[in-house]
Amino acid sequence: MKENSIKKLIKEIFHYLYEKGLITAADGNISYKISEKKLIINKSNVFKGKIKEKDLIVVKLNKKFPLTASKELKLHINLYQINPQIKAIIHSHPLYPLIIKKPNKDFLKGTGLKEKEISFLSYYPPGSEELANKIKKVGKDKKLIILKSHGIVVLGKDLKEAFFLTEKINFWAKYQYLQELKKR
């Protein structure tokens, strides 16, 4: 995939995530690993509902990182380092995955995830070095990392897989939450 095509797809995914309420305002970030030495990621503090291709930048991993890059850049880099098989990461802030305690059987079946592919991480400030370092300890061979009181991080072999899984996770978490609410 060419850089322009990747940027166009990332832009479309951001617009969709915003329209569906899975991200708000300038929150969330998406990256795509072009090679072992560079990736594409969104700039920081950009309104995701109207993000443009010029708001997506190429970061060379052996150079000084641009100050405009997403504040979660280090989190993305750390996950790529420990998961060489993945090429895409979507970090979003959907409500329902944050309020369920533990994914149930319906959630696992609906998303196609196994329990061992999911990690939970305590709260660390967004964009912090501490968060980036802690995620490296729990993120190996995971497809979903739930960040307490923050959001979710979804890893995929490509943008399509990460995007579809992000939406499925929110749907099945909502389903689980409503099931649990109904039982009360």
C-alpha atoms as a PDB file:
ATOM      1  CA  MET A   1       0.000   0.000   0.000  1.00  0.00           C
ATOM      2  CA  LYS A   2       1.301   3.465  -0.881  1.00  0.00           C
ATOM      3  CA  GLU A   3       1.594   6.203   1.741  1.00  0.00           C
ATOM      4  CA  ASN A   4      -1.170   8.306   0.155  1.00  0.00           C
ATOM      5  CA  SER A   5      -3.570   5.338   0.134  1.00  0.00           C
ATOM      6  CA  ILE A   6      -2.738   4.577   3.766  1.00  0.00           C
ATOM      7  CA  LYS A   7      -3.339   8.197   4.783  1.00  0.00           C
ATOM      8  CA  LYS A   8      -6.653   8.256   2.926  1.00  0.00           C
ATOM      9  CA  LEU A   9      -7.808   5.083   4.684  1.00  0.00           C
ATOM     10  CA  ILE A  10      -6.719   6.358   8.117  1.00  0.00           C
ATOM     11  CA  LYS A  11      -8.622   9.602   7.470  1.00  0.00           C
ATOM     12  CA  GLU A  12     -11.768   7.637   6.555  1.00  0.00           C
ATOM     13  CA  ILE A  13     -11.446   5.452   9.661  1.00  0.00           C
ATOM     14  CA  PHE A  14     -11.106   8.534  11.887  1.00  0.00           C
ATOM     15  CA  HIS A  15     -14.210  10.101  10.338  1.00  0.00           C
ATOM     16  CA  TYR A  16     -16.180   6.897  10.910  1.00  0.00           C
ATOM     17  CA  LEU A  17     -14.959   6.465  14.498  1.00  0.00           C
ATOM     18  CA  TYR A  18     -15.924  10.069  15.230  1.00  0.00           C
ATOM     19  CA  GLU A  19     -19.387   9.700  13.644  1.00  0.00           C
ATOM     20  CA  LYS A  20     -20.025   6.549  15.700  1.00  0.00           C
ATOM     21  CA  GLY A  21     -18.916   8.212  18.954  1.00  0.00           C
ATOM     22  CA  LEU A  22     -15.907   5.935  19.430  1.00  0.00           C
ATOM     23  CA  ILE A  23     -13.632   8.977  19.651  1.00  0.00           C
ATOM     24  CA  THR A  24     -14.320  12.597  20.547  1.00  0.00           C
ATOM     25  CA  ALA A  25     -12.783  15.889  19.474  1.00  0.00           C
ATOM     26  CA  ALA A  26      -8.987  15.519  19.339  1.00  0.00           C
ATOM     27  CA  ASP A  27      -8.886  12.166  21.173  1.00  0.00           C
ATOM     28  CA  GLY A  28      -7.675   8.859  19.764  1.00  0.00           C
ATOM     29  CA  ASN A  29      -4.874   7.959  17.427  1.00  0.00           C
ATOM     30  CA  ILE A  30      -4.133   5.588  14.573  1.00  0.00           C
ATOM     31  CA  SER A  31      -0.826   4.387  13.241  1.00  0.00           C
ATOM     32  CA  TYR A  32       0.342   2.150  10.425  1.00  0.00           C
ATOM     33  CA  LYS A  33       3.798   0.583  10.248  1.00  0.00           C
ATOM     34  CA  ILE A  34       5.144   1.172   6.735  1.00  0.00           C
ATOM     35  CA  SER A  35       8.444  -0.579   7.450  1.00  0.00           C
ATOM     36  CA  GLU A  36      10.687  -1.463  10.383  1.00  0.00           C
ATOM     37  CA  LYS A  37      12.032   2.094  10.258  1.00  0.00           C
ATOM     38  CA  LYS A  38       8.957   4.249   9.711  1.00  0.00           C
ATOM     39  CA  LEU A  39       5.275   4.580  10.444  1.00  0.00           C
ATOM     40  CA  ILE A  40       2.379   6.914   9.769  1.00  0.00           C
ATOM     41  CA  ILE A  41       0.561   8.452  12.743  1.00  0.00           C
ATOM     42  CA  ASN A  42      -1.774  11.391  13.264  1.00  0.00           C
ATOM     43  CA  LYS A  43      -0.626  14.730  14.590  1.00  0.00           C
ATOM     44  CA  SER A  44      -1.549  15.689  18.131  1.00  0.00           C
ATOM     45  CA  ASN A  45      -4.476  18.022  18.916  1.00  0.00           C
ATOM     46  CA  VAL A  46      -6.261  17.596  15.592  1.00  0.00           C
ATOM     47  CA  PHE A  47     -10.069  17.388  15.432  1.00  0.00           C
ATOM     48  CA  LYS A  48     -10.608  13.801  14.304  1.00  0.00           C
ATOM     49  CA  GLY A  49     -14.068  14.393  12.847  1.00  0.00           C
ATOM     50  CA  LYS A  50     -12.525  16.535  10.103  1.00  0.00           C
ATOM     51  CA  ILE A  51      -8.972  15.204  10.001  1.00  0.00           C
ATOM     52  CA  LYS A  52      -7.184  15.676   6.685  1.00  0.00           C
ATOM     53  CA  GLU A  53      -4.398  13.679   5.073  1.00  0.00           C
ATOM     54  CA  LYS A  54      -1.972  16.528   5.854  1.00  0.00           C
ATOM     55  CA  ASP A  55      -2.662  15.822   9.560  1.00  0.00           C
ATOM     56  CA  LEU A  56      -1.087  12.370   9.183  1.00  0.00           C
ATOM     57  CA  ILE A  57       2.698  12.307   9.300  1.00  0.00           C
ATOM     58  CA  VAL A  58       5.466   9.863   8.530  1.00  0.00           C
ATOM     59  CA  VAL A  59       7.745   9.268  11.502  1.00  0.00           C
ATOM     60  CA  LYS A  60      11.216   7.851  10.930  1.00  0.00           C
ATOM     61  CA  LEU A  61      12.060   5.723  13.934  1.00  0.00           C
ATOM     62  CA  ASN A  62      15.810   6.311  13.780  1.00  0.00           C
ATOM     63  CA  LYS A  63      15.412  10.105  13.831  1.00  0.00           C
ATOM     64  CA  LYS A  64      14.228  12.646  16.382  1.00  0.00           C
ATOM     65  CA  PHE A  65      10.442  12.427  16.604  1.00  0.00           C
ATOM     66  CA  PRO A  66       8.424  15.386  15.311  1.00  0.00           C
ATOM     67  CA  LEU A  67       6.922  17.491  18.097  1.00  0.00           C
ATOM     68  CA  THR A  68       3.612  17.492  16.231  1.00  0.00           C
ATOM     69  CA  ALA A  69       3.216  13.687  16.408  1.00  0.00           C
ATOM     70  CA  SER A  70       0.527  12.150  18.594  1.00  0.00           C
ATOM     71  CA  LYS A  71       1.413  12.195  22.272  1.00  0.00           C
ATOM     72  CA  GLU A  72       0.843   8.414  22.244  1.00  0.00           C
ATOM     73  CA  LEU A  73       3.593   7.840  19.636  1.00  0.00           C
ATOM     74  CA  LYS A  74       5.846   6.006  22.116  1.00  0.00           C
ATOM     75  CA  LEU A  75       2.963   3.686  23.061  1.00  0.00           C
ATOM     76  CA  HIS A  76       2.561   2.749  19.380  1.00  0.00           C
ATOM     77  CA  ILE A  77       6.302   2.260  18.866  1.00  0.00           C
ATOM     78  CA  ASN A  78       6.554   0.022  21.936  1.00  0.00           C
ATOM     79  CA  LEU A  79       3.689  -2.172  20.732  1.00  0.00           C
ATOM     80  CA  TYR A  80       5.218  -2.534  17.252  1.00  0.00           C
ATOM     81  CA  GLN A  81       8.550  -3.519  18.829  1.00  0.00           C
ATOM     82  CA  ILE A  82       7.068  -6.397  20.816  1.00  0.00           C
ATOM     83  CA  ASN A  83       4.560  -7.454  18.111  1.00  0.00           C
ATOM     84  CA  PRO A  84       6.454  -7.529  14.798  1.00  0.00           C
ATOM     85  CA  GLN A  85       3.493  -9.233  13.089  1.00  0.00           C
ATOM     86  CA  ILE A  86       1.180  -6.233  13.456  1.00  0.00           C
ATOM     87  CA  LYS A  87       1.021  -3.289  11.064  1.00  0.00           C
ATOM     88  CA  ALA A  88      -1.845  -1.203  12.469  1.00  0.00           C
ATOM     89  CA  ILE A  89      -2.897   0.197  15.835  1.00  0.00           C
ATOM     90  CA  ILE A  90      -6.123   2.026  16.645  1.00  0.00           C
ATOM     91  CA  HIS A  91      -6.458   3.739  20.018  1.00  0.00           C
ATOM     92  CA  SER A  92     -10.011   4.921  20.630  1.00  0.00           C
ATOM     93  CA  HIS A  93     -12.227   5.896  23.558  1.00  0.00           C
ATOM     94  CA  PRO A  94     -15.495   3.952  23.312  1.00  0.00           C
ATOM     95  CA  LEU A  95     -17.584   3.945  26.477  1.00  0.00           C
ATOM     96  CA  TYR A  96     -18.793   0.358  26.769  1.00  0.00           C
ATOM     97  CA  PRO A  97     -15.470  -1.521  26.799  1.00  0.00           C
ATOM     98  CA  LEU A  98     -14.456   0.689  29.729  1.00  0.00           C
ATOM     99  CA  ILE A  99     -17.474  -0.119  31.886  1.00  0.00           C
ATOM    100  CA  ILE A 100     -17.572  -3.900  31.611  1.00  0.00           C
ATOM    101  CA  LYS A 101     -15.528  -5.646  34.280  1.00  0.00           C
ATOM    102  CA  LYS A 102     -14.446  -8.688  32.285  1.00  0.00           C
ATOM    103  CA  PRO A 103     -15.480  -9.818  28.784  1.00  0.00           C
ATOM    104  CA  ASN A 104     -18.063 -12.618  28.942  1.00  0.00           C
ATOM    105  CA  LYS A 105     -18.553 -15.584  26.574  1.00  0.00           C
ATOM    106  CA  ASP A 106     -20.835 -13.616  24.236  1.00  0.00           C
ATOM    107  CA  PHE A 107     -18.233 -10.845  23.974  1.00  0.00           C
ATOM    108  CA  LEU A 108     -15.462 -13.333  23.198  1.00  0.00           C
ATOM    109  CA  LYS A 109     -17.595 -15.224  20.678  1.00  0.00           C
ATOM    110  CA  GLY A 110     -18.855 -12.048  18.993  1.00  0.00           C
ATOM    111  CA  THR A 111     -15.442 -10.439  18.664  1.00  0.00           C
ATOM    112  CA  GLY A 112     -13.611 -13.661  17.881  1.00  0.00           C
ATOM    113  CA  LEU A 113     -11.076 -12.873  20.615  1.00  0.00           C
ATOM    114  CA  LYS A 114      -9.631 -15.323  23.095  1.00  0.00           C
ATOM    115  CA  GLU A 115      -9.109 -14.296  26.728  1.00  0.00           C
ATOM    116  CA  LYS A 116      -5.338 -14.582  26.285  1.00  0.00           C
ATOM    117  CA  GLU A 117      -5.499 -11.933  23.515  1.00  0.00           C
ATOM    118  CA  ILE A 118      -6.894  -9.318  25.919  1.00  0.00           C
ATOM    119  CA  SER A 119      -4.991  -7.323  28.539  1.00  0.00           C
ATOM    120  CA  PHE A 120      -6.179  -4.847  31.129  1.00  0.00           C
ATOM    121  CA  LEU A 121      -3.971  -2.001  32.257  1.00  0.00           C
ATOM    122  CA  SER A 122      -4.449   0.230  35.300  1.00  0.00           C
ATOM    123  CA  TYR A 123      -4.814   3.953  34.791  1.00  0.00           C
ATOM    124  CA  TYR A 124      -1.751   5.922  33.715  1.00  0.00           C
ATOM    125  CA  PRO A 125      -1.929   9.470  32.340  1.00  0.00           C
ATOM    126  CA  PRO A 126      -2.530   9.592  28.574  1.00  0.00           C
ATOM    127  CA  GLY A 127       0.655  10.247  26.627  1.00  0.00           C
ATOM    128  CA  SER A 128       2.863   9.531  29.627  1.00  0.00           C
ATOM    129  CA  GLU A 129       6.151   7.667  29.503  1.00  0.00           C
ATOM    130  CA  GLU A 130       4.768   5.460  32.268  1.00  0.00           C
ATOM    131  CA  LEU A 131       1.796   4.387  30.108  1.00  0.00           C
ATOM    132  CA  ALA A 132       4.072   3.672  27.131  1.00  0.00           C
ATOM    133  CA  ASN A 133       6.379   1.560  29.305  1.00  0.00           C
ATOM    134  CA  LYS A 134       3.595  -0.334  31.105  1.00  0.00           C
ATOM    135  CA  ILE A 135       1.823  -1.200  27.856  1.00  0.00           C
ATOM    136  CA  LYS A 136       5.034  -2.791  26.619  1.00  0.00           C
ATOM    137  CA  LYS A 137       4.854  -5.196  29.582  1.00  0.00           C
ATOM    138  CA  VAL A 138       1.260  -6.325  28.922  1.00  0.00           C
ATOM    139  CA  GLY A 139       0.917  -5.905  25.149  1.00  0.00           C
ATOM    140  CA  LYS A 140       2.833  -8.855  23.696  1.00  0.00           C
ATOM    141  CA  ASP A 141       0.651 -11.061  21.450  1.00  0.00           C
ATOM    142  CA  LYS A 142      -2.490  -9.113  22.367  1.00  0.00           C
ATOM    143  CA  LYS A 143      -5.206  -7.837  20.060  1.00  0.00           C
ATOM    144  CA  LEU A 144      -7.008  -5.717  22.659  1.00  0.00           C
ATOM    145  CA  ILE A 145      -5.666  -3.729  25.576  1.00  0.00           C
ATOM    146  CA  ILE A 146      -8.232  -2.015  27.788  1.00  0.00           C
ATOM    147  CA  LEU A 147      -6.791   1.060  29.495  1.00  0.00           C
ATOM    148  CA  LYS A 148      -8.711   1.747  32.704  1.00  0.00           C
ATOM    149  CA  SER A 149     -10.626   5.063  32.649  1.00  0.00           C
ATOM    150  CA  HIS A 150      -9.000   5.925  29.335  1.00  0.00           C
ATOM    151  CA  GLY A 151      -9.731   3.852  26.230  1.00  0.00           C
ATOM    152  CA  ILE A 152      -8.836   0.784  24.214  1.00  0.00           C
ATOM    153  CA  VAL A 153      -5.896  -0.109  22.005  1.00  0.00           C
ATOM    154  CA  VAL A 154      -6.559  -2.549  19.162  1.00  0.00           C
ATOM    155  CA  LEU A 155      -3.757  -4.201  17.207  1.00  0.00           C
ATOM    156  CA  GLY A 156      -4.182  -5.676  13.735  1.00  0.00           C
ATOM    157  CA  LYS A 157      -2.282  -7.177  10.850  1.00  0.00           C
ATOM    158  CA  ASP A 158      -3.644  -4.281   8.783  1.00  0.00           C
ATOM    159  CA  LEU A 159      -5.887  -1.226   9.165  1.00  0.00           C
ATOM    160  CA  LYS A 160      -9.006  -3.093   8.096  1.00  0.00           C
ATOM    161  CA  GLU A 161      -8.579  -5.777  10.759  1.00  0.00           C
ATOM    162  CA  ALA A 162      -7.876  -3.237  13.519  1.00  0.00           C
ATOM    163  CA  PHE A 163     -10.829  -1.091  12.430  1.00  0.00           C
ATOM    164  CA  PHE A 164     -13.342  -3.952  12.204  1.00  0.00           C
ATOM    165  CA  LEU A 165     -12.221  -5.289  15.570  1.00  0.00           C
ATOM    166  CA  THR A 166     -12.541  -1.844  17.186  1.00  0.00           C
ATOM    167  CA  GLU A 167     -16.156  -1.622  16.088  1.00  0.00           C
ATOM    168  CA  LYS A 168     -16.940  -5.217  17.090  1.00  0.00           C
ATOM    169  CA  ILE A 169     -15.414  -4.660  20.534  1.00  0.00           C
ATOM    170  CA  ASN A 170     -17.654  -1.675  21.183  1.00  0.00           C
ATOM    171  CA  PHE A 171     -20.772  -3.503  19.940  1.00  0.00           C
ATOM    172  CA  TRP A 172     -20.196  -6.624  22.032  1.00  0.00           C
ATOM    173  CA  ALA A 173     -19.192  -4.630  25.108  1.00  0.00           C
ATOM    174  CA  LYS A 174     -22.446  -2.672  24.778  1.00  0.00           C
ATOM    175  CA  TYR A 175     -24.363  -5.929  24.354  1.00  0.00           C
ATOM    176  CA  GLN A 176     -22.715  -7.362  27.472  1.00  0.00           C
ATOM    177  CA  TYR A 177     -23.385  -4.198  29.481  1.00  0.00           C
ATOM    178  CA  LEU A 178     -27.073  -4.168  28.503  1.00  0.00           C
ATOM    179  CA  GLN A 179     -27.379  -7.883  29.345  1.00  0.00           C
ATOM    180  CA  GLU A 180     -25.907  -7.242  32.787  1.00  0.00           C
ATOM    181  CA  LEU A 181     -28.162  -4.209  33.300  1.00  0.00           C
ATOM    182  CA  LYS A 182     -31.229  -6.269  32.400  1.00  0.00           C
ATOM    183  CA  LYS A 183     -30.338  -8.858  35.075  1.00  0.00           C
ATOM    184  CA  ARG A 184     -30.301  -6.264  37.881  1.00  0.00           C
END
